Structures are given as C-alpha cells and as structure tokens.
Amino acid sequence: MAIRFYMDVHVPMAITEQLRRRGVDVLTAIEDESATLKDDELLARASKLGRVLFTQDIRFKALAEDWQRQGKAFGGLIFGHQLRGTIGQFVKDLALIAQASEPNEWINIVEHLPF
C-alpha cells in the first residue's frame, strides 16, 4: 500500500496538485474541513486517517518530536523547510516516499525535506 499524505494548510497548493498529477493520494486539511484544528488535533486527525502529515510549519515538527519523546503514537510527519527547497524538490521527494515506502514504516517518524 502506498503512502497517503495529509497536507497542512501551510503547504502550497502547487505541491498538492503536482503530487496528484503523479497519482499520489493527497488530502488537504482544507478539503477535510479541518483547517482550523489545533496542531495536535490535526496531527491526530491525519494519523486516524492513516496518512502521513506533510507540513512546512516548524511548530508541527516540534510537536511531533515531543510526541516521539512521550511515546505518543502518530502516523508520521514530514517537514519541508520553506527556504531550503523548491516546490519541485518537495514534489519529487514526496512522490518517491509515496512510491517507495509503506505506511507502517512511518509510524512515529519525523523526516526532513528536501533529501
């Protein structure tokens, strides 16, 4: 089963659109009517849906790392720093992740992009 992504509201729509053109399953917080949830609620929501959260919000990275320390389960988080990668780099890396890994490999994992 391929990775399914959940996009935080801070992710440019161009990334979502490009991933979808590549056949990647992507759901945005806006489409899920969850854009106003607090960060911890949104990370829990993505996990409940069996999706890996992609964000460019540093607070999410800190939250997920805190959950790691606490042993609190989540479905995985990928953080892409806005100033360290292009939309194209993020799309390429996320598409690779979607095709080359399994959801269970992302449980309680925090990854940084671009590679």
PDB file of N, CA and C in Angstrom:
ATOM      1  N   MET A   1       0.836  -1.177   0.000  1.00  0.00           N
ATOM      2  CA  MET A   1       0.000   0.000   0.000  1.00  0.00           C
ATOM      3  C   MET A   1       0.884   1.244   0.000  1.00  0.00           C
ATOM      4  N   ALA A   2       0.608   2.143  -0.882  1.00  0.00           N
ATOM      5  CA  ALA A   2       1.398   3.375  -0.997  1.00  0.00           C
ATOM      6  C   ALA A   2       1.057   4.338   0.135  1.00  0.00           C
ATOM      7  N   ILE A   3       1.983   5.230   0.393  1.00  0.00           N
ATOM      8  CA  ILE A   3       1.775   6.269   1.394  1.00  0.00           C
ATOM      9  C   ILE A   3       0.703   7.237   0.905  1.00  0.00           C
ATOM     10  N   ARG A   4      -0.151   7.629   1.814  1.00  0.00           N
ATOM     11  CA  ARG A   4      -1.162   8.651   1.551  1.00  0.00           C
ATOM     12  C   ARG A   4      -0.809   9.851   2.409  1.00  0.00           C
ATOM     13  N   PHE A   5      -0.823  11.030   1.798  1.00  0.00           N
ATOM     14  CA  PHE A   5      -0.419  12.242   2.501  1.00  0.00           C
ATOM     15  C   PHE A   5      -1.604  13.075   2.960  1.00  0.00           C
ATOM     16  N   TYR A   6      -1.344  13.809   4.033  1.00  0.00           N
ATOM     17  CA  TYR A   6      -2.286  14.793   4.560  1.00  0.00           C
ATOM     18  C   TYR A   6      -1.524  16.107   4.588  1.00  0.00           C
ATOM     19  N   MET A   7      -2.030  17.111   3.894  1.00  0.00           N
ATOM     20  CA  MET A   7      -1.343  18.385   3.765  1.00  0.00           C
ATOM     21  C   MET A   7      -1.884  19.430   4.727  1.00  0.00           C
ATOM     22  N   ASP A   8      -0.983  19.980   5.502  1.00  0.00           N
ATOM     23  CA  ASP A   8      -1.289  21.093   6.397  1.00  0.00           C
ATOM     24  C   ASP A   8      -1.657  22.316   5.552  1.00  0.00           C
ATOM     25  N   VAL A   9      -2.339  23.272   6.164  1.00  0.00           N
ATOM     26  CA  VAL A   9      -2.755  24.473   5.433  1.00  0.00           C
ATOM     27  C   VAL A   9      -1.586  25.330   4.968  1.00  0.00           C
ATOM     28  N   HIS A  10      -0.397  25.119   5.520  1.00  0.00           N
ATOM     29  CA  HIS A  10       0.769  25.916   5.141  1.00  0.00           C
ATOM     30  C   HIS A  10       1.454  25.418   3.865  1.00  0.00           C
ATOM     31  N   VAL A  11       1.001  24.305   3.324  1.00  0.00           N
ATOM     32  CA  VAL A  11       1.623  23.722   2.133  1.00  0.00           C
ATOM     33  C   VAL A  11       1.025  24.368   0.883  1.00  0.00           C
ATOM     34  N   PRO A  12       1.882  24.873  -0.010  1.00  0.00           N
ATOM     35  CA  PRO A  12       1.363  25.467  -1.251  1.00  0.00           C
ATOM     36  C   PRO A  12       0.542  24.453  -2.064  1.00  0.00           C
ATOM     37  N   MET A  13      -0.567  24.906  -2.609  1.00  0.00           N
ATOM     38  CA  MET A  13      -1.440  24.043  -3.399  1.00  0.00           C
ATOM     39  C   MET A  13      -0.701  23.451  -4.596  1.00  0.00           C
ATOM     40  N   ALA A  14       0.314  24.131  -5.091  1.00  0.00           N
ATOM     41  CA  ALA A  14       1.074  23.609  -6.232  1.00  0.00           C
ATOM     42  C   ALA A  14       1.706  22.255  -5.906  1.00  0.00           C
ATOM     43  N   ILE A  15       2.129  22.052  -4.681  1.00  0.00           N
ATOM     44  CA  ILE A  15       2.710  20.763  -4.288  1.00  0.00           C
ATOM     45  C   ILE A  15       1.638  19.683  -4.339  1.00  0.00           C
ATOM     46  N   THR A  16       0.490  19.975  -3.773  1.00  0.00           N
ATOM     47  CA  THR A  16      -0.622  19.021  -3.788  1.00  0.00           C
ATOM     48  C   THR A  16      -1.024  18.673  -5.216  1.00  0.00           C
ATOM     49  N   GLU A  17      -1.180  19.681  -6.058  1.00  0.00           N
ATOM     50  CA  GLU A  17      -1.604  19.451  -7.439  1.00  0.00           C
ATOM     51  C   GLU A  17      -0.593  18.614  -8.212  1.00  0.00           C
ATOM     52  N   GLN A  18       0.690  18.916  -8.044  1.00  0.00           N
ATOM     53  CA  GLN A  18       1.722  18.159  -8.755  1.00  0.00           C
ATOM     54  C   GLN A  18       1.771  16.700  -8.291  1.00  0.00           C
ATOM     55  N   LEU A  19       1.605  16.484  -7.000  1.00  0.00           N
ATOM     56  CA  LEU A  19       1.576  15.102  -6.488  1.00  0.00           C
ATOM     57  C   LEU A  19       0.391  14.343  -7.052  1.00  0.00           C
ATOM     58  N   ARG A  20      -0.745  14.972  -7.101  1.00  0.00           N
ATOM     59  CA  ARG A  20      -1.936  14.317  -7.659  1.00  0.00           C
ATOM     60  C   ARG A  20      -1.745  13.974  -9.128  1.00  0.00           C
ATOM     61  N   ARG A  21      -1.075  14.841  -9.867  1.00  0.00           N
ATOM     62  CA  ARG A  21      -0.787  14.546 -11.281  1.00  0.00           C
ATOM     63  C   ARG A  21       0.097  13.316 -11.430  1.00  0.00           C
ATOM     64  N   ARG A  22       0.849  13.014 -10.380  1.00  0.00           N
ATOM     65  CA  ARG A  22       1.724  11.835 -10.369  1.00  0.00           C
ATOM     66  C   ARG A  22       1.030  10.614  -9.754  1.00  0.00           C
ATOM     67  N   GLY A  23      -0.245  10.753  -9.458  1.00  0.00           N
ATOM     68  CA  GLY A  23      -1.020   9.636  -8.930  1.00  0.00           C
ATOM     69  C   GLY A  23      -0.902   9.404  -7.439  1.00  0.00           C
ATOM     70  N   VAL A  24      -0.374  10.389  -6.713  1.00  0.00           N
ATOM     71  CA  VAL A  24      -0.218  10.260  -5.261  1.00  0.00           C
ATOM     72  C   VAL A  24      -1.525  10.667  -4.579  1.00  0.00           C
ATOM     73  N   ASP A  25      -1.931   9.887  -3.590  1.00  0.00           N
ATOM     74  CA  ASP A  25      -3.152  10.156  -2.822  1.00  0.00           C
ATOM     75  C   ASP A  25      -2.855  11.249  -1.798  1.00  0.00           C
ATOM     76  N   VAL A  26      -3.501  12.400  -1.966  1.00  0.00           N
ATOM     77  CA  VAL A  26      -3.271  13.558  -1.110  1.00  0.00           C
ATOM     78  C   VAL A  26      -4.617  14.127  -0.661  1.00  0.00           C
ATOM     79  N   LEU A  27      -4.713  14.405   0.617  1.00  0.00           N
ATOM     80  CA  LEU A  27      -5.879  15.070   1.186  1.00  0.00           C
ATOM     81  C   LEU A  27      -5.377  16.305   1.919  1.00  0.00           C
ATOM     82  N   THR A  28      -6.012  17.441   1.693  1.00  0.00           N
ATOM     83  CA  THR A  28      -5.610  18.657   2.397  1.00  0.00           C
ATOM     84  C   THR A  28      -6.512  18.876   3.609  1.00  0.00           C
ATOM     85  N   ALA A  29      -5.983  19.592   4.588  1.00  0.00           N
ATOM     86  CA  ALA A  29      -6.774  19.921   5.770  1.00  0.00           C
ATOM     87  C   ALA A  29      -8.000  20.742   5.379  1.00  0.00           C
ATOM     88  N   ILE A  30      -7.869  21.568   4.362  1.00  0.00           N
ATOM     89  CA  ILE A  30      -8.995  22.378   3.904  1.00  0.00           C
ATOM     90  C   ILE A  30     -10.087  21.482   3.315  1.00  0.00           C
ATOM     91  N   GLU A  31      -9.704  20.531   2.469  1.00  0.00           N
ATOM     92  CA  GLU A  31     -10.681  19.605   1.879  1.00  0.00           C
ATOM     93  C   GLU A  31     -11.365  18.759   2.953  1.00  0.00           C
ATOM     94  N   ASP A  32     -10.627  18.454   3.998  1.00  0.00           N
ATOM     95  CA  ASP A  32     -11.126  17.633   5.100  1.00  0.00           C
ATOM     96  C   ASP A  32     -11.910  18.466   6.126  1.00  0.00           C
ATOM     97  N   GLU A  33     -12.045  19.760   5.855  1.00  0.00           N
ATOM     98  CA  GLU A  33     -12.721  20.698   6.741  1.00  0.00           C
ATOM     99  C   GLU A  33     -12.115  20.688   8.146  1.00  0.00           C
ATOM    100  N   SER A  34     -10.786  20.565   8.180  1.00  0.00           N
ATOM    101  CA  SER A  34     -10.050  20.515   9.440  1.00  0.00           C
ATOM    102  C   SER A  34      -9.013  21.617   9.545  1.00  0.00           C
ATOM    103  N   ALA A  35      -9.111  22.621   8.704  1.00  0.00           N
ATOM    104  CA  ALA A  35      -8.094  23.672   8.642  1.00  0.00           C
ATOM    105  C   ALA A  35      -7.991  24.498   9.914  1.00  0.00           C
ATOM    106  N   THR A  36      -9.026  24.517  10.721  1.00  0.00           N
ATOM    107  CA  THR A  36      -8.991  25.324  11.928  1.00  0.00           C
ATOM    108  C   THR A  36      -8.644  24.520  13.187  1.00  0.00           C
ATOM    109  N   LEU A  37      -8.357  23.238  13.021  1.00  0.00           N
ATOM    110  CA  LEU A  37      -7.969  22.421  14.172  1.00  0.00           C
ATOM    111  C   LEU A  37      -6.621  22.882  14.723  1.00  0.00           C
ATOM    112  N   LYS A  38      -6.427  22.687  16.015  1.00  0.00           N
ATOM    113  CA  LYS A  38      -5.129  22.946  16.627  1.00  0.00           C
ATOM    114  C   LYS A  38      -4.132  21.928  16.078  1.00  0.00           C
ATOM    115  N   ASP A  39      -2.842  22.263  16.174  1.00  0.00           N
ATOM    116  CA  ASP A  39      -1.805  21.404  15.608  1.00  0.00           C
ATOM    117  C   ASP A  39      -1.886  19.969  16.117  1.00  0.00           C
ATOM    118  N   ASP A  40      -2.049  19.789  17.426  1.00  0.00           N
ATOM    119  CA  ASP A  40      -2.092  18.426  17.961  1.00  0.00           C
ATOM    120  C   ASP A  40      -3.320  17.669  17.461  1.00  0.00           C
ATOM    121  N   GLU A  41      -4.435  18.368  17.304  1.00  0.00           N
ATOM    122  CA  GLU A  41      -5.651  17.740  16.775  1.00  0.00           C
ATOM    123  C   GLU A  41      -5.481  17.356  15.309  1.00  0.00           C
ATOM    124  N   LEU A  42      -4.770  18.194  14.551  1.00  0.00           N
ATOM    125  CA  LEU A  42      -4.562  17.910  13.137  1.00  0.00           C
ATOM    126  C   LEU A  42      -3.611  16.726  12.944  1.00  0.00           C
ATOM    127  N   LEU A  43      -2.560  16.656  13.757  1.00  0.00           N
ATOM    128  CA  LEU A  43      -1.652  15.512  13.679  1.00  0.00           C
ATOM    129  C   LEU A  43      -2.400  14.228  14.047  1.00  0.00           C
ATOM    130  N   ALA A  44      -3.243  14.296  15.054  1.00  0.00           N
ATOM    131  CA  ALA A  44      -4.056  13.138  15.433  1.00  0.00           C
ATOM    132  C   ALA A  44      -5.048  12.780  14.328  1.00  0.00           C
ATOM    133  N   ARG A  45      -5.627  13.779  13.692  1.00  0.00           N
ATOM    134  CA  ARG A  45      -6.587  13.548  12.596  1.00  0.00           C
ATOM    135  C   ARG A  45      -5.906  12.840  11.429  1.00  0.00           C
ATOM    136  N   ALA A  46      -4.754  13.322  11.020  1.00  0.00           N
ATOM    137  CA  ALA A  46      -4.023  12.686   9.917  1.00  0.00           C
ATOM    138  C   ALA A  46      -3.700  11.234  10.271  1.00  0.00           C
ATOM    139  N   SER A  47      -3.277  11.007  11.495  1.00  0.00           N
ATOM    140  CA  SER A  47      -2.941   9.663  11.947  1.00  0.00           C
ATOM    141  C   SER A  47      -4.164   8.750  11.933  1.00  0.00           C
ATOM    142  N   LYS A  48      -5.290   9.271  12.402  1.00  0.00           N
ATOM    143  CA  LYS A  48      -6.536   8.495  12.421  1.00  0.00           C
ATOM    144  C   LYS A  48      -6.938   8.065  11.014  1.00  0.00           C
ATOM    145  N   LEU A  49      -6.657   8.925  10.043  1.00  0.00           N
ATOM    146  CA  LEU A  49      -6.995   8.629   8.647  1.00  0.00           C
ATOM    147  C   LEU A  49      -5.947   7.751   7.964  1.00  0.00           C
ATOM    148  N   GLY A  50      -4.877   7.402   8.683  1.00  0.00           N
ATOM    149  CA  GLY A  50      -3.823   6.568   8.106  1.00  0.00           C
ATOM    150  C   GLY A  50      -2.961   7.308   7.111  1.00  0.00           C
ATOM    151  N   ARG A  51      -2.761   8.598   7.355  1.00  0.00           N
ATOM    152  CA  ARG A  51      -1.999   9.441   6.439  1.00  0.00           C
ATOM    153  C   ARG A  51      -0.777  10.029   7.129  1.00  0.00           C
ATOM    154  N   VAL A  52       0.252  10.265   6.352  1.00  0.00           N
ATOM    155  CA  VAL A  52       1.459  10.934   6.837  1.00  0.00           C
ATOM    156  C   VAL A  52       1.259  12.426   6.605  1.00  0.00           C
ATOM    157  N   LEU A  53       1.471  13.205   7.649  1.00  0.00           N
ATOM    158  CA  LEU A  53       1.284  14.651   7.553  1.00  0.00           C
ATOM    159  C   LEU A  53       2.512  15.303   6.944  1.00  0.00           C
ATOM    160  N   PHE A  54       2.295  16.136   5.915  1.00  0.00           N
ATOM    161  CA  PHE A  54       3.362  16.972   5.360  1.00  0.00           C
ATOM    162  C   PHE A  54       3.057  18.409   5.743  1.00  0.00           C
ATOM    163  N   THR A  55       4.062  19.088   6.265  1.00  0.00           N
ATOM    164  CA  THR A  55       3.888  20.470   6.696  1.00  0.00           C
ATOM    165  C   THR A  55       5.147  21.277   6.419  1.00  0.00           C
ATOM    166  N   GLN A  56       4.968  22.572   6.375  1.00  0.00           N
ATOM    167  CA  GLN A  56       6.092  23.492   6.300  1.00  0.00           C
ATOM    168  C   GLN A  56       6.069  24.413   7.512  1.00  0.00           C
ATOM    169  N   ASP A  57       5.347  24.005   8.528  1.00  0.00           N
ATOM    170  CA  ASP A  57       5.199  24.749   9.774  1.00  0.00           C
ATOM    171  C   ASP A  57       6.107  24.120  10.831  1.00  0.00           C
ATOM    172  N   ILE A  58       7.093  24.848  11.286  1.00  0.00           N
ATOM    173  CA  ILE A  58       8.086  24.351  12.240  1.00  0.00           C
ATOM    174  C   ILE A  58       7.445  23.896  13.558  1.00  0.00           C
ATOM    175  N   ARG A  59       6.302  24.478  13.912  1.00  0.00           N
ATOM    176  CA  ARG A  59       5.624  24.070  15.153  1.00  0.00           C
ATOM    177  C   ARG A  59       5.174  22.618  15.098  1.00  0.00           C
ATOM    178  N   PHE A  60       4.766  22.160  13.905  1.00  0.00           N
ATOM    179  CA  PHE A  60       4.373  20.754  13.763  1.00  0.00           C
ATOM    180  C   PHE A  60       5.559  19.824  13.985  1.00  0.00           C
ATOM    181  N   LYS A  61       6.707  20.225  13.482  1.00  0.00           N
ATOM    182  CA  LYS A  61       7.909  19.419  13.669  1.00  0.00           C
ATOM    183  C   LYS A  61       8.215  19.292  15.155  1.00  0.00           C
ATOM    184  N   ALA A  62       8.166  20.403  15.864  1.00  0.00           N
ATOM    185  CA  ALA A  62       8.424  20.385  17.302  1.00  0.00           C
ATOM    186  C   ALA A  62       7.383  19.541  18.036  1.00  0.00           C
ATOM    187  N   LEU A  63       6.125  19.641  17.633  1.00  0.00           N
ATOM    188  CA  LEU A  63       5.065  18.855  18.251  1.00  0.00           C
ATOM    189  C   LEU A  63       5.303  17.359  18.045  1.00  0.00           C
ATOM    190  N   ALA A  64       5.602  16.964  16.813  1.00  0.00           N
ATOM    191  CA  ALA A  64       5.826  15.543  16.526  1.00  0.00           C
ATOM    192  C   ALA A  64       7.046  15.010  17.275  1.00  0.00           C
ATOM    193  N   GLU A  65       8.096  15.809  17.370  1.00  0.00           N
ATOM    194  CA  GLU A  65       9.274  15.374  18.127  1.00  0.00           C
ATOM    195  C   GLU A  65       8.950  15.239  19.611  1.00  0.00           C
ATOM    196  N   ASP A  66       8.084  16.101  20.118  1.00  0.00           N
ATOM    197  CA  ASP A  66       7.640  15.984  21.503  1.00  0.00           C
ATOM    198  C   ASP A  66       6.831  14.700  21.688  1.00  0.00           C
ATOM    199  N   TRP A  67       5.957  14.393  20.737  1.00  0.00           N
ATOM    200  CA  TRP A  67       5.186  13.143  20.811  1.00  0.00           C
ATOM    201  C   TRP A  67       6.118  11.934  20.771  1.00  0.00           C
ATOM    202  N   GLN A  68       7.187  12.011  19.971  1.00  0.00           N
ATOM    203  CA  GLN A  68       8.168  10.916  19.946  1.00  0.00           C
ATOM    204  C   GLN A  68       8.736  10.688  21.348  1.00  0.00           C
ATOM    205  N   ARG A  69       9.162  11.770  22.003  1.00  0.00           N
ATOM    206  CA  ARG A  69       9.750  11.672  23.349  1.00  0.00           C
ATOM    207  C   ARG A  69       8.759  11.101  24.358  1.00  0.00           C
ATOM    208  N   GLN A  70       7.498  11.443  24.187  1.00  0.00           N
ATOM    209  CA  GLN A  70       6.458  10.979  25.108  1.00  0.00           C
ATOM    210  C   GLN A  70       5.986   9.549  24.798  1.00  0.00           C
ATOM    211  N   GLY A  71       6.373   9.045  23.625  1.00  0.00           N
ATOM    212  CA  GLY A  71       5.902   7.731  23.214  1.00  0.00           C
ATOM    213  C   GLY A  71       4.460   7.751  22.730  1.00  0.00           C
ATOM    214  N   LYS A  72       3.993   8.911  22.323  1.00  0.00           N
ATOM    215  CA  LYS A  72       2.620   9.066  21.819  1.00  0.00           C
ATOM    216  C   LYS A  72       2.610   8.770  20.321  1.00  0.00           C
ATOM    217  N   ALA A  73       1.800   7.823  19.914  1.00  0.00           N
ATOM    218  CA  ALA A  73       1.799   7.351  18.523  1.00  0.00           C
ATOM    219  C   ALA A  73       1.184   8.372  17.562  1.00  0.00           C
ATOM    220  N   PHE A  74       1.790   8.454  16.390  1.00  0.00           N
ATOM    221  CA  PHE A  74       1.248   9.243  15.281  1.00  0.00           C
ATOM    222  C   PHE A  74       1.686   8.585  13.976  1.00  0.00           C
ATOM    223  N   GLY A  75       1.016   8.943  12.904  1.00  0.00           N
ATOM    224  CA  GLY A  75       1.223   8.272  11.624  1.00  0.00           C
ATOM    225  C   GLY A  75       2.414   8.730  10.814  1.00  0.00           C
ATOM    226  N   GLY A  76       3.208   9.635  11.342  1.00  0.00           N
ATOM    227  CA  GLY A  76       4.382  10.124  10.641  1.00  0.00           C
ATOM    228  C   GLY A  76       4.230  11.575  10.242  1.00  0.00           C
ATOM    229  N   LEU A  77       5.360  12.267  10.208  1.00  0.00           N
ATOM    230  CA  LEU A  77       5.360  13.672   9.835  1.00  0.00           C
ATOM    231  C   LEU A  77       6.583  13.955   8.973  1.00  0.00           C
ATOM    232  N   ILE A  78       6.346  14.657   7.892  1.00  0.00           N
ATOM    233  CA  ILE A  78       7.431  15.102   7.021  1.00  0.00           C
ATOM    234  C   ILE A  78       7.417  16.623   7.036  1.00  0.00           C
ATOM    235  N   PHE A  79       8.570  17.190   7.366  1.00  0.00           N
ATOM    236  CA  PHE A  79       8.705  18.638   7.457  1.00  0.00           C
ATOM    237  C   PHE A  79       9.579  19.131   6.311  1.00  0.00           C
ATOM    238  N   GLY A  80       9.051  20.074   5.554  1.00  0.00           N
ATOM    239  CA  GLY A  80       9.801  20.689   4.466  1.00  0.00           C
ATOM    240  C   GLY A  80      10.000  22.161   4.753  1.00  0.00           C
ATOM    241  N   HIS A  81      11.211  22.532   5.085  1.00  0.00           N
ATOM    242  CA  HIS A  81      11.503  23.937   5.399  1.00  0.00           C
ATOM    243  C   HIS A  81      11.271  24.784   4.150  1.00  0.00           C
ATOM    244  N   GLN A  82      10.510  25.857   4.294  1.00  0.00           N
ATOM    245  CA  GLN A  82      10.117  26.690   3.158  1.00  0.00           C
ATOM    246  C   GLN A  82      11.290  27.308   2.414  1.00  0.00           C
ATOM    247  N   LEU A  83      12.385  27.566   3.110  1.00  0.00           N
ATOM    248  CA  LEU A  83      13.516  28.243   2.476  1.00  0.00           C
ATOM    249  C   LEU A  83      14.614  27.296   2.007  1.00  0.00           C
ATOM    250  N   ARG A  84      14.461  26.009   2.258  1.00  0.00           N
ATOM    251  CA  ARG A  84      15.527  25.071   1.909  1.00  0.00           C
ATOM    252  C   ARG A  84      15.188  24.147   0.751  1.00  0.00           C
ATOM    253  N   GLY A  85      14.074  24.384   0.110  1.00  0.00           N
ATOM    254  CA  GLY A  85      13.711  23.539  -1.017  1.00  0.00           C
ATOM    255  C   GLY A  85      12.722  24.245  -1.920  1.00  0.00           C
ATOM    256  N   THR A  86      12.665  23.778  -3.144  1.00  0.00           N
ATOM    257  CA  THR A  86      11.715  24.321  -4.109  1.00  0.00           C
ATOM    258  C   THR A  86      10.475  23.435  -4.140  1.00  0.00           C
ATOM    259  N   ILE A  87       9.432  23.950  -4.731  1.00  0.00           N
ATOM    260  CA  ILE A  87       8.224  23.141  -4.904  1.00  0.00           C
ATOM    261  C   ILE A  87       8.573  21.862  -5.652  1.00  0.00           C
ATOM    262  N   GLY A  88       9.372  21.973  -6.687  1.00  0.00           N
ATOM    263  CA  GLY A  88       9.772  20.798  -7.460  1.00  0.00           C
ATOM    264  C   GLY A  88      10.524  19.765  -6.635  1.00  0.00           C
ATOM    265  N   GLN A  89      11.419  20.223  -5.762  1.00  0.00           N
ATOM    266  CA  GLN A  89      12.155  19.294  -4.901  1.00  0.00           C
ATOM    267  C   GLN A  89      11.218  18.578  -3.937  1.00  0.00           C
ATOM    268  N   PHE A  90      10.299  19.324  -3.343  1.00  0.00           N
ATOM    269  CA  PHE A  90       9.360  18.709  -2.413  1.00  0.00           C
ATOM    270  C   PHE A  90       8.478  17.688  -3.124  1.00  0.00           C
ATOM    271  N   VAL A  91       8.001  18.032  -4.311  1.00  0.00           N
ATOM    272  CA  VAL A  91       7.156  17.108  -5.076  1.00  0.00           C
ATOM    273  C   VAL A  91       7.935  15.835  -5.405  1.00  0.00           C
ATOM    274  N   LYS A  92       9.148  15.988  -5.876  1.00  0.00           N
ATOM    275  CA  LYS A  92       9.978  14.829  -6.235  1.00  0.00           C
ATOM    276  C   LYS A  92      10.206  13.924  -5.030  1.00  0.00           C
ATOM    277  N   ASP A  93      10.579  14.512  -3.903  1.00  0.00           N
ATOM    278  CA  ASP A  93      10.866  13.726  -2.701  1.00  0.00           C
ATOM    279  C   ASP A  93       9.606  13.063  -2.148  1.00  0.00           C
ATOM    280  N   LEU A  94       8.492  13.784  -2.118  1.00  0.00           N
ATOM    281  CA  LEU A  94       7.249  13.207  -1.605  1.00  0.00           C
ATOM    282  C   LEU A  94       6.733  12.092  -2.519  1.00  0.00           C
ATOM    283  N   ALA A  95       6.848  12.272  -3.820  1.00  0.00           N
ATOM    284  CA  ALA A  95       6.429  11.216  -4.752  1.00  0.00           C
ATOM    285  C   ALA A  95       7.274   9.961  -4.547  1.00  0.00           C
ATOM    286  N   LEU A  96       8.558  10.136  -4.337  1.00  0.00           N
ATOM    287  CA  LEU A  96       9.439   8.995  -4.078  1.00  0.00           C
ATOM    288  C   LEU A  96       9.027   8.279  -2.790  1.00  0.00           C
ATOM    289  N   ILE A  97       8.769   9.043  -1.747  1.00  0.00           N
ATOM    290  CA  ILE A  97       8.329   8.458  -0.474  1.00  0.00           C
ATOM    291  C   ILE A  97       7.030   7.678  -0.667  1.00  0.00           C
ATOM    292  N   ALA A  98       6.080   8.267  -1.393  1.00  0.00           N
ATOM    293  CA  ALA A  98       4.783   7.619  -1.604  1.00  0.00           C
ATOM    294  C   ALA A  98       4.931   6.285  -2.323  1.00  0.00           C
ATOM    295  N   GLN A  99       5.850   6.216  -3.262  1.00  0.00           N
ATOM    296  CA  GLN A  99       6.015   5.006  -4.061  1.00  0.00           C
ATOM    297  C   GLN A  99       6.938   3.971  -3.441  1.00  0.00           C
ATOM    298  N   ALA A 100       7.870   4.403  -2.603  1.00  0.00           N
ATOM    299  CA  ALA A 100       8.930   3.504  -2.148  1.00  0.00           C
ATOM    300  C   ALA A 100       8.821   3.074  -0.688  1.00  0.00           C
ATOM    301  N   SER A 101       7.767   3.482   0.003  1.00  0.00           N
ATOM    302  CA  SER A 101       7.664   3.092   1.402  1.00  0.00           C
ATOM    303  C   SER A 101       6.234   2.684   1.733  1.00  0.00           C
ATOM    304  N   GLU A 102       6.088   2.097   2.904  1.00  0.00           N
ATOM    305  CA  GLU A 102       4.799   1.613   3.381  1.00  0.00           C
ATOM    306  C   GLU A 102       4.365   2.432   4.602  1.00  0.00           C
ATOM    307  N   PRO A 103       3.064   2.567   4.821  1.00  0.00           N
ATOM    308  CA  PRO A 103       2.573   3.362   5.951  1.00  0.00           C
ATOM    309  C   PRO A 103       3.159   2.948   7.306  1.00  0.00           C
ATOM    310  N   ASN A 104       3.311   1.655   7.546  1.00  0.00           N
ATOM    311  CA  ASN A 104       3.822   1.214   8.841  1.00  0.00           C
ATOM    312  C   ASN A 104       5.273   1.631   9.077  1.00  0.00           C
ATOM    313  N   GLU A 105       5.987   1.978   8.025  1.00  0.00           N
ATOM    314  CA  GLU A 105       7.368   2.449   8.162  1.00  0.00           C
ATOM    315  C   GLU A 105       7.426   3.887   8.677  1.00  0.00           C
ATOM    316  N   TRP A 106       6.307   4.574   8.688  1.00  0.00           N
ATOM    317  CA  TRP A 106       6.269   5.990   9.064  1.00  0.00           C
ATOM    318  C   TRP A 106       5.722   6.239  10.460  1.00  0.00           C
ATOM    319  N   ILE A 107       5.259   5.191  11.138  1.00  0.00           N
ATOM    320  CA  ILE A 107       4.709   5.367  12.472  1.00  0.00           C
ATOM    321  C   ILE A 107       5.769   6.004  13.378  1.00  0.00           C
ATOM    322  N   ASN A 108       5.425   7.131  13.985  1.00  0.00           N
ATOM    323  CA  ASN A 108       6.280   7.866  14.929  1.00  0.00           C
ATOM    324  C   ASN A 108       7.588   8.380  14.322  1.00  0.00           C
ATOM    325  N   ILE A 109       7.608   8.601  13.023  1.00  0.00           N
ATOM    326  CA  ILE A 109       8.804   9.089  12.334  1.00  0.00           C
ATOM    327  C   ILE A 109       8.631  10.564  11.977  1.00  0.00           C
ATOM    328  N   VAL A 110       9.714  11.327  12.147  1.00  0.00           N
ATOM    329  CA  VAL A 110       9.777  12.711  11.677  1.00  0.00           C
ATOM    330  C   VAL A 110      10.918  12.772  10.666  1.00  0.00           C
ATOM    331  N   GLU A 111      10.611  13.216   9.471  1.00  0.00           N
ATOM    332  CA  GLU A 111      11.612  13.304   8.395  1.00  0.00           C
ATOM    333  C   GLU A 111      11.663  14.745   7.904  1.00  0.00           C
ATOM    334  N   HIS A 112      12.829  15.130   7.393  1.00  0.00           N
ATOM    335  CA  HIS A 112      13.023  16.482   6.868  1.00  0.00           C
ATOM    336  C   HIS A 112      13.255  16.420   5.359  1.00  0.00           C
ATOM    337  N   LEU A 113      12.671  17.380   4.648  1.00  0.00           N
ATOM    338  CA  LEU A 113      12.896  17.518   3.207  1.00  0.00           C
ATOM    339  C   LEU A 113      13.456  18.911   2.942  1.00  0.00           C
ATOM    340  N   PRO A 114      14.157  19.095   1.841  1.00  0.00           N
ATOM    341  CA  PRO A 114      14.462  18.092   0.826  1.00  0.00           C
ATOM    342  C   PRO A 114      15.569  17.149   1.274  1.00  0.00           C
ATOM    343  N   PHE A 115      15.596  15.987   0.587  1.00  0.00           N
ATOM    344  CA  PHE A 115      16.645  14.995   0.885  1.00  0.00           C
ATOM    345  C   PHE A 115      17.988  15.533   0.516  1.00  0.00           C
TER     346      PHE A 115
END
